[in-house]
Amino acid sequence: QVQLVESGGGLVQAGGSLRLSCAASGRGFSTAAMAWYRQAPGKQRELVAAITSGGSTNYADHVKGRFTVSRDNAKNTVYLQMNSLKPEDTAVYYCNARSPEWRYEYWGQGTQVTVSS
């Protein structure tokens, strides 16, 4: 059993920054690929950023150059540093984990990010 808990969301002005954290409990984090998704009202959930167990990263085009994903295996935590935030970044952000050791993928409960004009 794996549990993911996101934190760090909130209200920020356009151009500001936030850092999201996703803390994992349970076995298998070191071999898991981690990702951040987001979902705005009335829209489909979309991939924002991902990081493999080896540290390779991928970003959606709309956040590349502004967001940075990283992980700290000693703390079982993945981070999303968000800079130069725009109102269109407003969404609920979800943490996702996949591992060859697991039958299922896991999701966090989500954290709200709101960017004002």
Protein backbone atom coordinates (compact mmCIF):
# COMPACT_ATOMS: atom_id res chain seq x y z
CA GLN A 1 0.00 0.00 0.00
CA VAL A 2 1.28 3.45 -1.02
CA GLN A 3 0.00 6.83 0.08
CA LEU A 4 0.85 10.16 -1.57
CA VAL A 5 0.21 13.49 0.15
CA GLU A 6 0.61 16.80 -1.70
CA SER A 7 1.21 20.13 -0.01
CA GLY A 8 2.32 23.66 -0.86
CA GLY A 9 -0.60 24.91 -2.92
CA GLY A 10 -2.23 28.26 -2.35
CA LEU A 11 -3.05 31.66 -3.79
CA VAL A 12 -0.31 33.63 -5.54
CA GLN A 13 -0.10 36.68 -7.80
CA ALA A 14 0.83 36.31 -11.46
CA GLY A 15 4.60 36.22 -11.79
CA GLY A 16 5.04 34.68 -8.37
CA SER A 17 6.35 31.29 -7.28
CA LEU A 18 5.20 28.22 -5.36
CA ARG A 19 6.86 24.93 -4.46
CA LEU A 20 4.69 21.83 -4.24
CA SER A 21 5.74 18.74 -2.30
CA CYS A 22 4.54 15.15 -2.59
CA ALA A 23 5.46 12.89 0.32
CA ALA A 24 5.20 9.14 -0.24
CA SER A 25 4.73 6.41 2.34
CA GLY A 26 5.04 2.70 1.73
CA ARG A 27 7.56 0.50 -0.04
CA GLY A 28 9.05 1.09 -3.47
CA PHE A 29 9.66 4.83 -3.82
CA SER A 30 13.27 4.45 -4.94
CA THR A 31 12.22 2.52 -8.07
CA ALA A 32 9.12 4.59 -8.80
CA ALA A 33 8.61 7.09 -11.59
CA MET A 34 6.90 10.19 -10.23
CA ALA A 35 4.81 12.77 -12.04
CA TRP A 36 2.75 15.89 -11.51
CA TYR A 37 -0.60 16.34 -13.25
CA ARG A 38 -3.09 19.18 -13.07
CA GLN A 39 -6.78 19.61 -13.77
CA ALA A 40 -8.56 22.93 -14.23
CA PRO A 41 -12.37 23.24 -13.95
CA GLY A 42 -14.09 21.82 -17.02
CA LYS A 43 -10.85 20.47 -18.50
CA GLN A 44 -9.12 17.10 -18.76
CA ARG A 45 -6.31 16.17 -16.41
CA GLU A 46 -2.95 16.86 -18.08
CA LEU A 47 0.66 15.90 -17.45
CA VAL A 48 2.82 18.74 -16.14
CA ALA A 49 6.19 17.14 -15.33
CA ALA A 50 7.69 13.72 -14.67
CA ILE A 51 10.88 12.30 -13.18
CA THR A 52 12.17 8.73 -13.44
CA SER A 53 13.84 6.69 -10.71
CA GLY A 54 17.16 7.61 -12.34
CA GLY A 55 16.43 11.34 -12.28
CA SER A 56 15.56 11.97 -15.94
CA THR A 57 12.89 14.66 -16.35
CA ASN A 58 10.22 15.58 -18.87
CA TYR A 59 7.99 18.65 -19.04
CA ALA A 60 4.87 19.73 -20.85
CA ASP A 61 5.56 22.48 -23.37
CA HIS A 62 3.38 24.98 -21.54
CA VAL A 63 5.51 24.80 -18.36
CA LYS A 64 8.98 24.16 -19.79
CA GLY A 65 11.44 26.80 -18.60
CA ARG A 66 9.20 27.84 -15.70
CA PHE A 67 8.70 24.64 -13.66
CA THR A 68 11.30 22.23 -12.25
CA VAL A 69 10.61 18.73 -10.91
CA SER A 70 13.06 17.06 -8.52
CA ARG A 71 13.14 14.22 -6.01
CA ASP A 72 14.82 13.38 -2.72
CA ASN A 73 14.82 9.61 -2.25
CA ALA A 74 16.11 9.90 1.32
CA LYS A 75 12.92 11.80 2.18
CA ASN A 76 10.60 9.85 -0.15
CA THR A 77 9.52 13.19 -1.58
CA VAL A 78 9.11 14.74 -5.02
CA TYR A 79 8.93 18.50 -5.58
CA LEU A 80 7.57 20.85 -8.22
CA GLN A 81 9.11 24.32 -8.20
CA MET A 82 6.81 26.69 -10.09
CA ASN A 83 8.14 30.10 -11.15
CA SER A 84 6.67 32.90 -13.28
CA LEU A 85 3.18 31.63 -12.57
CA LYS A 86 0.33 32.62 -14.90
CA PRO A 87 -3.44 32.67 -14.32
CA GLU A 88 -3.75 29.73 -16.74
CA ASP A 89 -1.69 27.64 -14.29
CA THR A 90 -4.68 27.70 -11.92
CA ALA A 91 -5.71 24.08 -11.28
CA VAL A 92 -5.71 21.25 -8.79
CA TYR A 93 -2.27 19.62 -8.92
CA TYR A 94 -1.97 15.86 -8.36
CA CYS A 95 1.02 13.64 -7.60
CA ASN A 96 1.26 10.28 -9.41
CA ALA A 97 3.55 7.29 -8.81
CA ARG A 98 4.28 4.18 -10.88
CA SER A 99 6.70 1.33 -10.18
CA PRO A 100 7.48 -2.10 -11.64
CA GLU A 101 7.06 -3.36 -8.06
CA TRP A 102 3.38 -2.38 -7.97
CA ARG A 103 0.23 -3.70 -9.66
CA TYR A 104 -1.41 -0.26 -9.56
CA GLU A 105 -0.46 3.37 -9.97
CA TYR A 106 -1.18 5.73 -7.10
CA TRP A 107 -2.54 9.28 -6.85
CA GLY A 108 -2.48 11.93 -4.16
CA GLN A 109 -5.54 13.88 -3.06
CA GLY A 110 -4.51 17.04 -4.92
CA THR A 111 -3.58 20.55 -3.86
CA GLN A 112 -5.20 23.73 -5.20
CA VAL A 113 -3.07 26.34 -6.95
CA THR A 114 -4.74 29.65 -7.76
CA VAL A 115 -2.91 32.39 -9.68
CA SER A 116 -4.53 35.82 -9.69
CA SER A 117 -4.12 38.49 -12.39
